[in-house]
Amino acid sequence: LDIAKAAGLGVGTLYRRFGTKEALLDAVVLSLYDELCDTA
C-alpha cells in the first residue's frame, strides 16, 4: 500500500503489474545488482 501510494497508484495496479509485492521487490533488487555489475 505504501509503495502504491508513493507511486500515485492504487494497490490493485501493483498486483496487476507484478502479481505480488515480493515480485516487485525482487525486480528492484535485481536492477540494483545489475547496476553494480555494470560498475564492476
PDB file of all heavy atoms in Angstrom:
ATOM      1  N   LEU A   1       0.829  -1.209   0.000  1.00  0.00           N
ATOM      2  CA  LEU A   1       0.000   0.000   0.000  1.00  0.00           C
ATOM      3  C   LEU A   1       0.861   1.256   0.000  1.00  0.00           C
ATOM      4  O   LEU A   1       0.592   2.214  -0.728  1.00  0.00           O
ATOM      5  CB  LEU A   1      -0.922  -0.007   1.219  1.00  0.00           C
ATOM      6  CG  LEU A   1      -1.881   1.187   1.349  1.00  0.00           C
ATOM      7  CD1 LEU A   1      -2.787   1.274   0.126  1.00  0.00           C
ATOM      8  CD2 LEU A   1      -2.703   1.065   2.632  1.00  0.00           C
ATOM      9  N   ASP A   2       1.933   1.264   0.804  1.00  0.00           N
ATOM     10  CA  ASP A   2       2.810   2.429   0.858  1.00  0.00           C
ATOM     11  C   ASP A   2       3.513   2.656  -0.482  1.00  0.00           C
ATOM     12  O   ASP A   2       3.685   3.791  -0.925  1.00  0.00           O
ATOM     13  CB  ASP A   2       3.847   2.253   1.967  1.00  0.00           C
ATOM     14  CG  ASP A   2       3.253   2.423   3.356  1.00  0.00           C
ATOM     15  OD1 ASP A   2       2.159   2.999   3.457  1.00  0.00           O
ATOM     16  OD2 ASP A   2       3.877   1.968   4.325  1.00  0.00           O
ATOM     17  N   ILE A   3       3.923   1.570  -1.135  1.00  0.00           N
ATOM     18  CA  ILE A   3       4.570   1.696  -2.441  1.00  0.00           C
ATOM     19  C   ILE A   3       3.598   2.269  -3.453  1.00  0.00           C
ATOM     20  O   ILE A   3       3.933   3.193  -4.213  1.00  0.00           O
ATOM     21  CB  ILE A   3       5.091   0.326  -2.918  1.00  0.00           C
ATOM     22  CG1 ILE A   3       6.246  -0.146  -2.041  1.00  0.00           C
ATOM     23  CG2 ILE A   3       5.531   0.392  -4.379  1.00  0.00           C
ATOM     24  CD1 ILE A   3       6.686  -1.575  -2.326  1.00  0.00           C
ATOM     25  N   ALA A   4       2.385   1.725  -3.478  1.00  0.00           N
ATOM     26  CA  ALA A   4       1.387   2.191  -4.440  1.00  0.00           C
ATOM     27  C   ALA A   4       1.050   3.665  -4.218  1.00  0.00           C
ATOM     28  O   ALA A   4       0.945   4.438  -5.176  1.00  0.00           O
ATOM     29  CB  ALA A   4       0.128   1.337  -4.337  1.00  0.00           C
ATOM     30  N   LYS A   5       0.896   4.057  -2.954  1.00  0.00           N
ATOM     31  CA  LYS A   5       0.600   5.461  -2.659  1.00  0.00           C
ATOM     32  C   LYS A   5       1.728   6.365  -3.120  1.00  0.00           C
ATOM     33  O   LYS A   5       1.494   7.440  -3.690  1.00  0.00           O
ATOM     34  CB  LYS A   5       0.368   5.640  -1.154  1.00  0.00           C
ATOM     35  CG  LYS A   5      -0.987   5.152  -0.666  1.00  0.00           C
ATOM     36  CD  LYS A   5      -1.154   5.437   0.825  1.00  0.00           C
ATOM     37  CE  LYS A   5      -2.533   5.036   1.319  1.00  0.00           C
ATOM     38  NZ  LYS A   5      -2.697   5.309   2.774  1.00  0.00           N
ATOM     39  N   ALA A   6       2.958   5.949  -2.884  1.00  0.00           N
ATOM     40  CA  ALA A   6       4.108   6.761  -3.305  1.00  0.00           C
ATOM     41  C   ALA A   6       4.170   6.894  -4.818  1.00  0.00           C
ATOM     42  O   ALA A   6       4.643   7.906  -5.341  1.00  0.00           O
ATOM     43  CB  ALA A   6       5.398   6.134  -2.780  1.00  0.00           C
ATOM     44  N   ALA A   7       3.694   5.872  -5.513  1.00  0.00           N
ATOM     45  CA  ALA A   7       3.684   5.909  -6.976  1.00  0.00           C
ATOM     46  C   ALA A   7       2.473   6.644  -7.524  1.00  0.00           C
ATOM     47  O   ALA A   7       2.379   6.869  -8.739  1.00  0.00           O
ATOM     48  CB  ALA A   7       3.708   4.490  -7.531  1.00  0.00           C
ATOM     49  N   GLY A   8       1.534   7.013  -6.641  1.00  0.00           N
ATOM     50  CA  GLY A   8       0.318   7.680  -7.083  1.00  0.00           C
ATOM     51  C   GLY A   8      -0.654   6.743  -7.759  1.00  0.00           C
ATOM     52  O   GLY A   8      -1.443   7.151  -8.621  1.00  0.00           O
ATOM     53  N   LEU A   9      -0.623   5.468  -7.359  1.00  0.00           N
ATOM     54  CA  LEU A   9      -1.463   4.449  -7.988  1.00  0.00           C
ATOM     55  C   LEU A   9      -2.205   3.664  -6.916  1.00  0.00           C
ATOM     56  O   LEU A   9      -1.861   3.719  -5.732  1.00  0.00           O
ATOM     57  CB  LEU A   9      -0.602   3.488  -8.813  1.00  0.00           C
ATOM     58  CG  LEU A   9       0.196   4.106  -9.958  1.00  0.00           C
ATOM     59  CD1 LEU A   9       1.213   3.112 -10.487  1.00  0.00           C
ATOM     60  CD2 LEU A   9      -0.725   4.583 -11.068  1.00  0.00           C
ATOM     61  N   GLY A  10      -3.198   2.915  -7.335  1.00  0.00           N
ATOM     62  CA  GLY A  10      -3.893   2.035  -6.425  1.00  0.00           C
ATOM     63  C   GLY A  10      -3.114   0.753  -6.222  1.00  0.00           C
ATOM     64  O   GLY A  10      -2.346   0.334  -7.098  1.00  0.00           O
ATOM     65  N   VAL A  11      -3.333   0.116  -5.072  1.00  0.00           N
ATOM     66  CA  VAL A  11      -2.577  -1.105  -4.791  1.00  0.00           C
ATOM     67  C   VAL A  11      -2.951  -2.211  -5.777  1.00  0.00           C
ATOM     68  O   VAL A  11      -2.142  -3.106  -6.073  1.00  0.00           O
ATOM     69  CB  VAL A  11      -2.801  -1.546  -3.326  1.00  0.00           C
ATOM     70  CG1 VAL A  11      -4.215  -2.094  -3.127  1.00  0.00           C
ATOM     71  CG2 VAL A  11      -1.764  -2.574  -2.907  1.00  0.00           C
ATOM     72  N   GLY A  12      -4.148  -2.137  -6.323  1.00  0.00           N
ATOM     73  CA  GLY A  12      -4.555  -3.131  -7.319  1.00  0.00           C
ATOM     74  C   GLY A  12      -3.674  -3.092  -8.555  1.00  0.00           C
ATOM     75  O   GLY A  12      -3.418  -4.125  -9.171  1.00  0.00           O
ATOM     76  N   THR A  13      -3.233  -1.884  -8.924  1.00  0.00           N
ATOM     77  CA  THR A  13      -2.345  -1.749 -10.081  1.00  0.00           C
ATOM     78  C   THR A  13      -1.025  -2.468  -9.826  1.00  0.00           C
ATOM     79  O   THR A  13      -0.460  -3.104 -10.716  1.00  0.00           O
ATOM     80  CB  THR A  13      -2.080  -0.262 -10.383  1.00  0.00           C
ATOM     81  OG1 THR A  13      -3.326   0.394 -10.622  1.00  0.00           O
ATOM     82  CG2 THR A  13      -1.181  -0.096 -11.598  1.00  0.00           C
ATOM     83  N   LEU A  14      -0.520  -2.364  -8.596  1.00  0.00           N
ATOM     84  CA  LEU A  14       0.727  -3.061  -8.250  1.00  0.00           C
ATOM     85  C   LEU A  14       0.569  -4.564  -8.467  1.00  0.00           C
ATOM     86  O   LEU A  14       1.441  -5.205  -9.074  1.00  0.00           O
ATOM     87  CB  LEU A  14       1.092  -2.761  -6.793  1.00  0.00           C
ATOM     88  CG  LEU A  14       2.408  -3.327  -6.255  1.00  0.00           C
ATOM     89  CD1 LEU A  14       2.910  -2.456  -5.097  1.00  0.00           C
ATOM     90  CD2 LEU A  14       2.259  -4.769  -5.766  1.00  0.00           C
ATOM     91  N   TYR A  15      -0.549  -5.116  -7.999  1.00  0.00           N
ATOM     92  CA  TYR A  15      -0.733  -6.563  -8.126  1.00  0.00           C
ATOM     93  C   TYR A  15      -0.986  -6.972  -9.575  1.00  0.00           C
ATOM     94  O   TYR A  15      -0.563  -8.059  -9.986  1.00  0.00           O
ATOM     95  CB  TYR A  15      -1.878  -7.026  -7.218  1.00  0.00           C
ATOM     96  CG  TYR A  15      -1.539  -6.925  -5.752  1.00  0.00           C
ATOM     97  CD1 TYR A  15      -2.295  -6.133  -4.888  1.00  0.00           C
ATOM     98  CD2 TYR A  15      -0.450  -7.609  -5.228  1.00  0.00           C
ATOM     99  CE1 TYR A  15      -1.978  -6.043  -3.544  1.00  0.00           C
ATOM    100  CE2 TYR A  15      -0.116  -7.521  -3.886  1.00  0.00           C
ATOM    101  CZ  TYR A  15      -0.886  -6.737  -3.047  1.00  0.00           C
ATOM    102  OH  TYR A  15      -0.558  -6.651  -1.717  1.00  0.00           O
ATOM    103  N   ARG A  16      -1.645  -6.110 -10.353  1.00  0.00           N
ATOM    104  CA  ARG A  16      -1.847  -6.442 -11.766  1.00  0.00           C
ATOM    105  C   ARG A  16      -0.536  -6.441 -12.530  1.00  0.00           C
ATOM    106  O   ARG A  16      -0.318  -7.252 -13.426  1.00  0.00           O
ATOM    107  CB  ARG A  16      -2.829  -5.458 -12.399  1.00  0.00           C
ATOM    108  CG  ARG A  16      -4.280  -5.695 -12.041  1.00  0.00           C
ATOM    109  CD  ARG A  16      -5.209  -4.920 -12.941  1.00  0.00           C
ATOM    110  NE  ARG A  16      -5.019  -3.478 -12.823  1.00  0.00           N
ATOM    111  CZ  ARG A  16      -5.619  -2.723 -11.909  1.00  0.00           C
ATOM    112  NH1 ARG A  16      -6.431  -3.268 -11.024  1.00  0.00           N
ATOM    113  NH2 ARG A  16      -5.418  -1.416 -11.878  1.00  0.00           N
ATOM    114  N   ARG A  17       0.346  -5.506 -12.187  1.00  0.00           N
ATOM    115  CA  ARG A  17       1.603  -5.385 -12.932  1.00  0.00           C
ATOM    116  C   ARG A  17       2.636  -6.431 -12.496  1.00  0.00           C
ATOM    117  O   ARG A  17       3.417  -6.901 -13.311  1.00  0.00           O
ATOM    118  CB  ARG A  17       2.197  -3.984 -12.743  1.00  0.00           C
ATOM    119  CG  ARG A  17       1.360  -2.841 -13.293  1.00  0.00           C
ATOM    120  CD  ARG A  17       1.558  -2.642 -14.795  1.00  0.00           C
ATOM    121  NE  ARG A  17       1.055  -3.708 -15.625  1.00  0.00           N
ATOM    122  CZ  ARG A  17      -0.226  -3.840 -15.982  1.00  0.00           C
ATOM    123  NH1 ARG A  17      -1.126  -2.978 -15.548  1.00  0.00           N
ATOM    124  NH2 ARG A  17      -0.601  -4.833 -16.759  1.00  0.00           N
ATOM    125  N   PHE A  18       2.651  -6.772 -11.194  1.00  0.00           N
ATOM    126  CA  PHE A  18       3.719  -7.640 -10.695  1.00  0.00           C
ATOM    127  C   PHE A  18       3.235  -8.926 -10.032  1.00  0.00           C
ATOM    128  O   PHE A  18       4.048  -9.799  -9.750  1.00  0.00           O
ATOM    129  CB  PHE A  18       4.598  -6.864  -9.703  1.00  0.00           C
ATOM    130  CG  PHE A  18       5.426  -5.804 -10.359  1.00  0.00           C
ATOM    131  CD1 PHE A  18       4.952  -4.499 -10.469  1.00  0.00           C
ATOM    132  CD2 PHE A  18       6.672  -6.103 -10.896  1.00  0.00           C
ATOM    133  CE1 PHE A  18       5.710  -3.515 -11.084  1.00  0.00           C
ATOM    134  CE2 PHE A  18       7.434  -5.134 -11.514  1.00  0.00           C
ATOM    135  CZ  PHE A  18       6.954  -3.832 -11.615  1.00  0.00           C
ATOM    136  N   GLY A  19       1.963  -9.023  -9.759  1.00  0.00           N
ATOM    137  CA  GLY A  19       1.445 -10.239  -9.139  1.00  0.00           C
ATOM    138  C   GLY A  19       1.514 -10.209  -7.629  1.00  0.00           C
ATOM    139  O   GLY A  19       0.515 -10.417  -6.945  1.00  0.00           O
ATOM    140  N   THR A  20       2.715  -9.934  -7.086  1.00  0.00           N
ATOM    141  CA  THR A  20       2.904  -9.851  -5.642  1.00  0.00           C
ATOM    142  C   THR A  20       3.873  -8.717  -5.325  1.00  0.00           C
ATOM    143  O   THR A  20       4.655  -8.288  -6.189  1.00  0.00           O
ATOM    144  CB  THR A  20       3.488 -11.158  -5.060  1.00  0.00           C
ATOM    145  OG1 THR A  20       4.810 -11.353  -5.587  1.00  0.00           O
ATOM    146  CG2 THR A  20       2.612 -12.355  -5.398  1.00  0.00           C
ATOM    147  N   LYS A  21       3.832  -8.277  -4.079  1.00  0.00           N
ATOM    148  CA  LYS A  21       4.806  -7.277  -3.642  1.00  0.00           C
ATOM    149  C   LYS A  21       6.208  -7.840  -3.724  1.00  0.00           C
ATOM    150  O   LYS A  21       7.164  -7.139  -4.092  1.00  0.00           O
ATOM    151  CB  LYS A  21       4.499  -6.825  -2.207  1.00  0.00           C
ATOM    152  CG  LYS A  21       5.445  -5.748  -1.695  1.00  0.00           C
ATOM    153  CD  LYS A  21       5.349  -5.564  -0.194  1.00  0.00           C
ATOM    154  CE  LYS A  21       6.053  -6.661   0.571  1.00  0.00           C
ATOM    155  NZ  LYS A  21       6.163  -6.372   2.030  1.00  0.00           N
ATOM    156  N   GLU A  22       6.365  -9.109  -3.374  1.00  0.00           N
ATOM    157  CA  GLU A  22       7.683  -9.735  -3.390  1.00  0.00           C
ATOM    158  C   GLU A  22       8.279  -9.751  -4.792  1.00  0.00           C
ATOM    159  O   GLU A  22       9.498  -9.569  -4.955  1.00  0.00           O
ATOM    160  CB  GLU A  22       7.586 -11.159  -2.839  1.00  0.00           C
ATOM    161  CG  GLU A  22       7.340 -11.249  -1.351  1.00  0.00           C
ATOM    162  CD  GLU A  22       5.946 -10.793  -0.926  1.00  0.00           C
ATOM    163  OE1 GLU A  22       5.013 -10.902  -1.759  1.00  0.00           O
ATOM    164  OE2 GLU A  22       5.793 -10.333   0.225  1.00  0.00           O
ATOM    165  N   ALA A  23       7.444  -9.954  -5.803  1.00  0.00           N
ATOM    166  CA  ALA A  23       7.941  -9.943  -7.185  1.00  0.00           C
ATOM    167  C   ALA A  23       8.438  -8.555  -7.566  1.00  0.00           C
ATOM    168  O   ALA A  23       9.448  -8.415  -8.276  1.00  0.00           O
ATOM    169  CB  ALA A  23       6.854 -10.396  -8.145  1.00  0.00           C
ATOM    170  N   LEU A  24       7.755  -7.519  -7.099  1.00  0.00           N
ATOM    171  CA  LEU A  24       8.192  -6.149  -7.350  1.00  0.00           C
ATOM    172  C   LEU A  24       9.514  -5.873  -6.641  1.00  0.00           C
ATOM    173  O   LEU A  24      10.440  -5.298  -7.231  1.00  0.00           O
ATOM    174  CB  LEU A  24       7.114  -5.170  -6.886  1.00  0.00           C
ATOM    175  CG  LEU A  24       7.466  -3.677  -6.911  1.00  0.00           C
ATOM    176  CD1 LEU A  24       7.937  -3.238  -8.297  1.00  0.00           C
ATOM    177  CD2 LEU A  24       6.270  -2.840  -6.457  1.00  0.00           C
ATOM    178  N   LEU A  25       9.607  -6.281  -5.382  1.00  0.00           N
ATOM    179  CA  LEU A  25      10.859  -6.091  -4.649  1.00  0.00           C
ATOM    180  C   LEU A  25      12.006  -6.820  -5.337  1.00  0.00           C
ATOM    181  O   LEU A  25      13.119  -6.288  -5.454  1.00  0.00           O
ATOM    182  CB  LEU A  25      10.717  -6.588  -3.211  1.00  0.00           C
ATOM    183  CG  LEU A  25       9.795  -5.779  -2.289  1.00  0.00           C
ATOM    184  CD1 LEU A  25       9.686  -6.468  -0.936  1.00  0.00           C
ATOM    185  CD2 LEU A  25      10.291  -4.361  -2.125  1.00  0.00           C
ATOM    186  N   ASP A  26      11.745  -8.035  -5.809  1.00  0.00           N
ATOM    187  CA  ASP A  26      12.786  -8.800  -6.494  1.00  0.00           C
ATOM    188  C   ASP A  26      13.277  -8.062  -7.738  1.00  0.00           C
ATOM    189  O   ASP A  26      14.479  -7.995  -8.002  1.00  0.00           O
ATOM    190  CB  ASP A  26      12.260 -10.180  -6.898  1.00  0.00           C
ATOM    191  CG  ASP A  26      12.138 -11.135  -5.726  1.00  0.00           C
ATOM    192  OD1 ASP A  26      12.691 -10.824  -4.647  1.00  0.00           O
ATOM    193  OD2 ASP A  26      11.487 -12.186  -5.876  1.00  0.00           O
ATOM    194  N   ALA A  27      12.328  -7.512  -8.499  1.00  0.00           N
ATOM    195  CA  ALA A  27      12.694  -6.797  -9.727  1.00  0.00           C
ATOM    196  C   ALA A  27      13.583  -5.598  -9.418  1.00  0.00           C
ATOM    197  O   ALA A  27      14.566  -5.330 -10.126  1.00  0.00           O
ATOM    198  CB  ALA A  27      11.435  -6.358 -10.472  1.00  0.00           C
ATOM    199  N   VAL A  28      13.251  -4.882  -8.354  1.00  0.00           N
ATOM    200  CA  VAL A  28      14.024  -3.692  -7.994  1.00  0.00           C
ATOM    201  C   VAL A  28      15.402  -4.081  -7.472  1.00  0.00           C
ATOM    202  O   VAL A  28      16.418  -3.480  -7.853  1.00  0.00           O
ATOM    203  CB  VAL A  28      13.254  -2.856  -6.951  1.00  0.00           C
ATOM    204  CG1 VAL A  28      14.142  -1.758  -6.384  1.00  0.00           C
ATOM    205  CG2 VAL A  28      11.995  -2.256  -7.582  1.00  0.00           C
ATOM    206  N   VAL A  29      15.467  -5.087  -6.610  1.00  0.00           N
ATOM    207  CA  VAL A  29      16.760  -5.523  -6.069  1.00  0.00           C
ATOM    208  C   VAL A  29      17.664  -6.024  -7.190  1.00  0.00           C
ATOM    209  O   VAL A  29      18.860  -5.710  -7.227  1.00  0.00           O
ATOM    210  CB  VAL A  29      16.557  -6.603  -4.990  1.00  0.00           C
ATOM    211  CG1 VAL A  29      17.881  -7.272  -4.639  1.00  0.00           C
ATOM    212  CG2 VAL A  29      15.931  -5.985  -3.737  1.00  0.00           C
ATOM    213  N   LEU A  30      17.105  -6.780  -8.123  1.00  0.00           N
ATOM    214  CA  LEU A  30      17.906  -7.275  -9.244  1.00  0.00           C
ATOM    215  C   LEU A  30      18.450  -6.122 -10.079  1.00  0.00           C
ATOM    216  O   LEU A  30      19.586  -6.182 -10.569  1.00  0.00           O
ATOM    217  CB  LEU A  30      17.079  -8.223 -10.111  1.00  0.00           C
ATOM    218  CG  LEU A  30      16.745  -9.583  -9.491  1.00  0.00           C
ATOM    219  CD1 LEU A  30      15.847 -10.382 -10.420  1.00  0.00           C
ATOM    220  CD2 LEU A  30      18.003 -10.372  -9.162  1.00  0.00           C
ATOM    221  N   SER A  31      17.654  -5.067 -10.235  1.00  0.00           N
ATOM    222  CA  SER A  31      18.141  -3.915 -11.002  1.00  0.00           C
ATOM    223  C   SER A  31      19.295  -3.224 -10.278  1.00  0.00           C
ATOM    224  O   SER A  31      20.237  -2.736 -10.933  1.00  0.00           O
ATOM    225  CB  SER A  31      16.995  -2.919 -11.253  1.00  0.00           C
ATOM    226  OG  SER A  31      16.638  -2.213 -10.073  1.00  0.00           O
ATOM    227  N   LEU A  32      19.262  -3.190  -8.947  1.00  0.00           N
ATOM    228  CA  LEU A  32      20.369  -2.615  -8.183  1.00  0.00           C
ATOM    229  C   LEU A  32      21.633  -3.465  -8.349  1.00  0.00           C
ATOM    230  O   LEU A  32      22.737  -2.937  -8.506  1.00  0.00           O
ATOM    231  CB  LEU A  32      19.993  -2.509  -6.705  1.00  0.00           C
ATOM    232  CG  LEU A  32      18.873  -1.518  -6.365  1.00  0.00           C
ATOM    233  CD1 LEU A  32      18.468  -1.659  -4.900  1.00  0.00           C
ATOM    234  CD2 LEU A  32      19.299  -0.089  -6.657  1.00  0.00           C
ATOM    235  N   TYR A  33      21.469  -4.771  -8.329  1.00  0.00           N
ATOM    236  CA  TYR A  33      22.609  -5.668  -8.564  1.00  0.00           C
ATOM    237  C   TYR A  33      23.153  -5.484  -9.977  1.00  0.00           C
ATOM    238  O   TYR A  33      24.376  -5.502 -10.188  1.00  0.00           O
ATOM    239  CB  TYR A  33      22.193  -7.120  -8.353  1.00  0.00           C
ATOM    240  CG  TYR A  33      22.394  -7.633  -6.946  1.00  0.00           C
ATOM    241  CD1 TYR A  33      21.659  -7.135  -5.882  1.00  0.00           C
ATOM    242  CD2 TYR A  33      23.324  -8.637  -6.675  1.00  0.00           C
ATOM    243  CE1 TYR A  33      21.823  -7.615  -4.592  1.00  0.00           C
ATOM    244  CE2 TYR A  33      23.508  -9.120  -5.397  1.00  0.00           C
ATOM    245  CZ  TYR A  33      22.756  -8.603  -4.349  1.00  0.00           C
ATOM    246  OH  TYR A  33      22.935  -9.071  -3.072  1.00  0.00           O
ATOM    247  N   ASP A  34      22.258  -5.316 -10.946  1.00  0.00           N
ATOM    248  CA  ASP A  34      22.697  -5.124 -12.331  1.00  0.00           C
ATOM    249  C   ASP A  34      23.539  -3.863 -12.468  1.00  0.00           C
ATOM    250  O   ASP A  34      24.535  -3.841 -13.200  1.00  0.00           O
ATOM    251  CB  ASP A  34      21.487  -5.049 -13.267  1.00  0.00           C
ATOM    252  CG  ASP A  34      20.833  -6.401 -13.486  1.00  0.00           C
ATOM    253  OD1 ASP A  34      21.491  -7.436 -13.211  1.00  0.00           O
ATOM    254  OD2 ASP A  34      19.667  -6.434 -13.919  1.00  0.00           O
ATOM    255  N   GLU A  35      23.151  -2.813 -11.761  1.00  0.00           N
ATOM    256  CA  GLU A  35      23.932  -1.580 -11.802  1.00  0.00           C
ATOM    257  C   GLU A  35      25.330  -1.801 -11.215  1.00  0.00           C
ATOM    258  O   GLU A  35      26.316  -1.272 -11.740  1.00  0.00           O
ATOM    259  CB  GLU A  35      23.190  -0.471 -11.044  1.00  0.00           C
ATOM    260  CG  GLU A  35      21.925  -0.001 -11.760  1.00  0.00           C
ATOM    261  CD  GLU A  35      21.097   0.950 -10.924  1.00  0.00           C
ATOM    262  OE1 GLU A  35      21.581   1.373  -9.836  1.00  0.00           O
ATOM    263  OE2 GLU A  35      19.964   1.269 -11.322  1.00  0.00           O
ATOM    264  N   LEU A  36      25.410  -2.586 -10.138  1.00  0.00           N
ATOM    265  CA  LEU A  36      26.712  -2.889  -9.557  1.00  0.00           C
ATOM    266  C   LEU A  36      27.553  -3.739 -10.511  1.00  0.00           C
ATOM    267  O   LEU A  36      28.772  -3.558 -10.607  1.00  0.00           O
ATOM    268  CB  LEU A  36      26.539  -3.612  -8.228  1.00  0.00           C
ATOM    269  CG  LEU A  36      26.055  -2.756  -7.054  1.00  0.00           C
ATOM    270  CD1 LEU A  36      25.738  -3.640  -5.847  1.00  0.00           C
ATOM    271  CD2 LEU A  36      27.102  -1.704  -6.680  1.00  0.00           C
ATOM    272  N   CYS A  37      26.911  -4.668 -11.225  1.00  0.00           N
ATOM    273  CA  CYS A  37      27.629  -5.473 -12.217  1.00  0.00           C
ATOM    274  C   CYS A  37      28.192  -4.587 -13.326  1.00  0.00           C
ATOM    275  O   CYS A  37      29.331  -4.786 -13.774  1.00  0.00           O
ATOM    276  CB  CYS A  37      26.705  -6.533 -12.807  1.00  0.00           C
ATOM    277  SG  CYS A  37      26.341  -7.926 -11.703  1.00  0.00           S
ATOM    278  N   ASP A  38      27.406  -3.601 -13.771  1.00  0.00           N
ATOM    279  CA  ASP A  38      27.889  -2.673 -14.804  1.00  0.00           C
ATOM    280  C   ASP A  38      29.081  -1.869 -14.283  1.00  0.00           C
ATOM    281  O   ASP A  38      30.062  -1.646 -15.011  1.00  0.00           O
ATOM    282  CB  ASP A  38      26.761  -1.729 -15.225  1.00  0.00           C
ATOM    283  CG  ASP A  38      25.669  -2.434 -16.015  1.00  0.00           C
ATOM    284  OD1 ASP A  38      25.939  -3.534 -16.551  1.00  0.00           O
ATOM    285  OD2 ASP A  38      24.550  -1.895 -16.096  1.00  0.00           O
ATOM    286  N   THR A  39      28.987  -1.413 -13.032  1.00  0.00           N
ATOM    287  CA  THR A  39      30.091  -0.666 -12.429  1.00  0.00           C
ATOM    288  C   THR A  39      31.343  -1.523 -12.328  1.00  0.00           C
ATOM    289  O   THR A  39      32.452  -1.073 -12.624  1.00  0.00           O
ATOM    290  CB  THR A  39      29.688  -0.171 -11.031  1.00  0.00           C
ATOM    291  OG1 THR A  39      28.558   0.706 -11.143  1.00  0.00           O
ATOM    292  CG2 THR A  39      30.833   0.586 -10.361  1.00  0.00           C
ATOM    293  N   ALA A  40      31.166  -2.769 -11.909  1.00  0.00           N
ATOM    294  CA  ALA A  40      32.303  -3.681 -11.786  1.00  0.00           C
ATOM    295  C   ALA A  40      32.982  -3.900 -13.133  1.00  0.00           C
ATOM    296  O   ALA A  40      34.211  -3.914 -13.232  1.00  0.00           O
ATOM    297  CB  ALA A  40      31.842  -5.012 -11.206  1.00  0.00           C
TER     298      ALA A  40
END
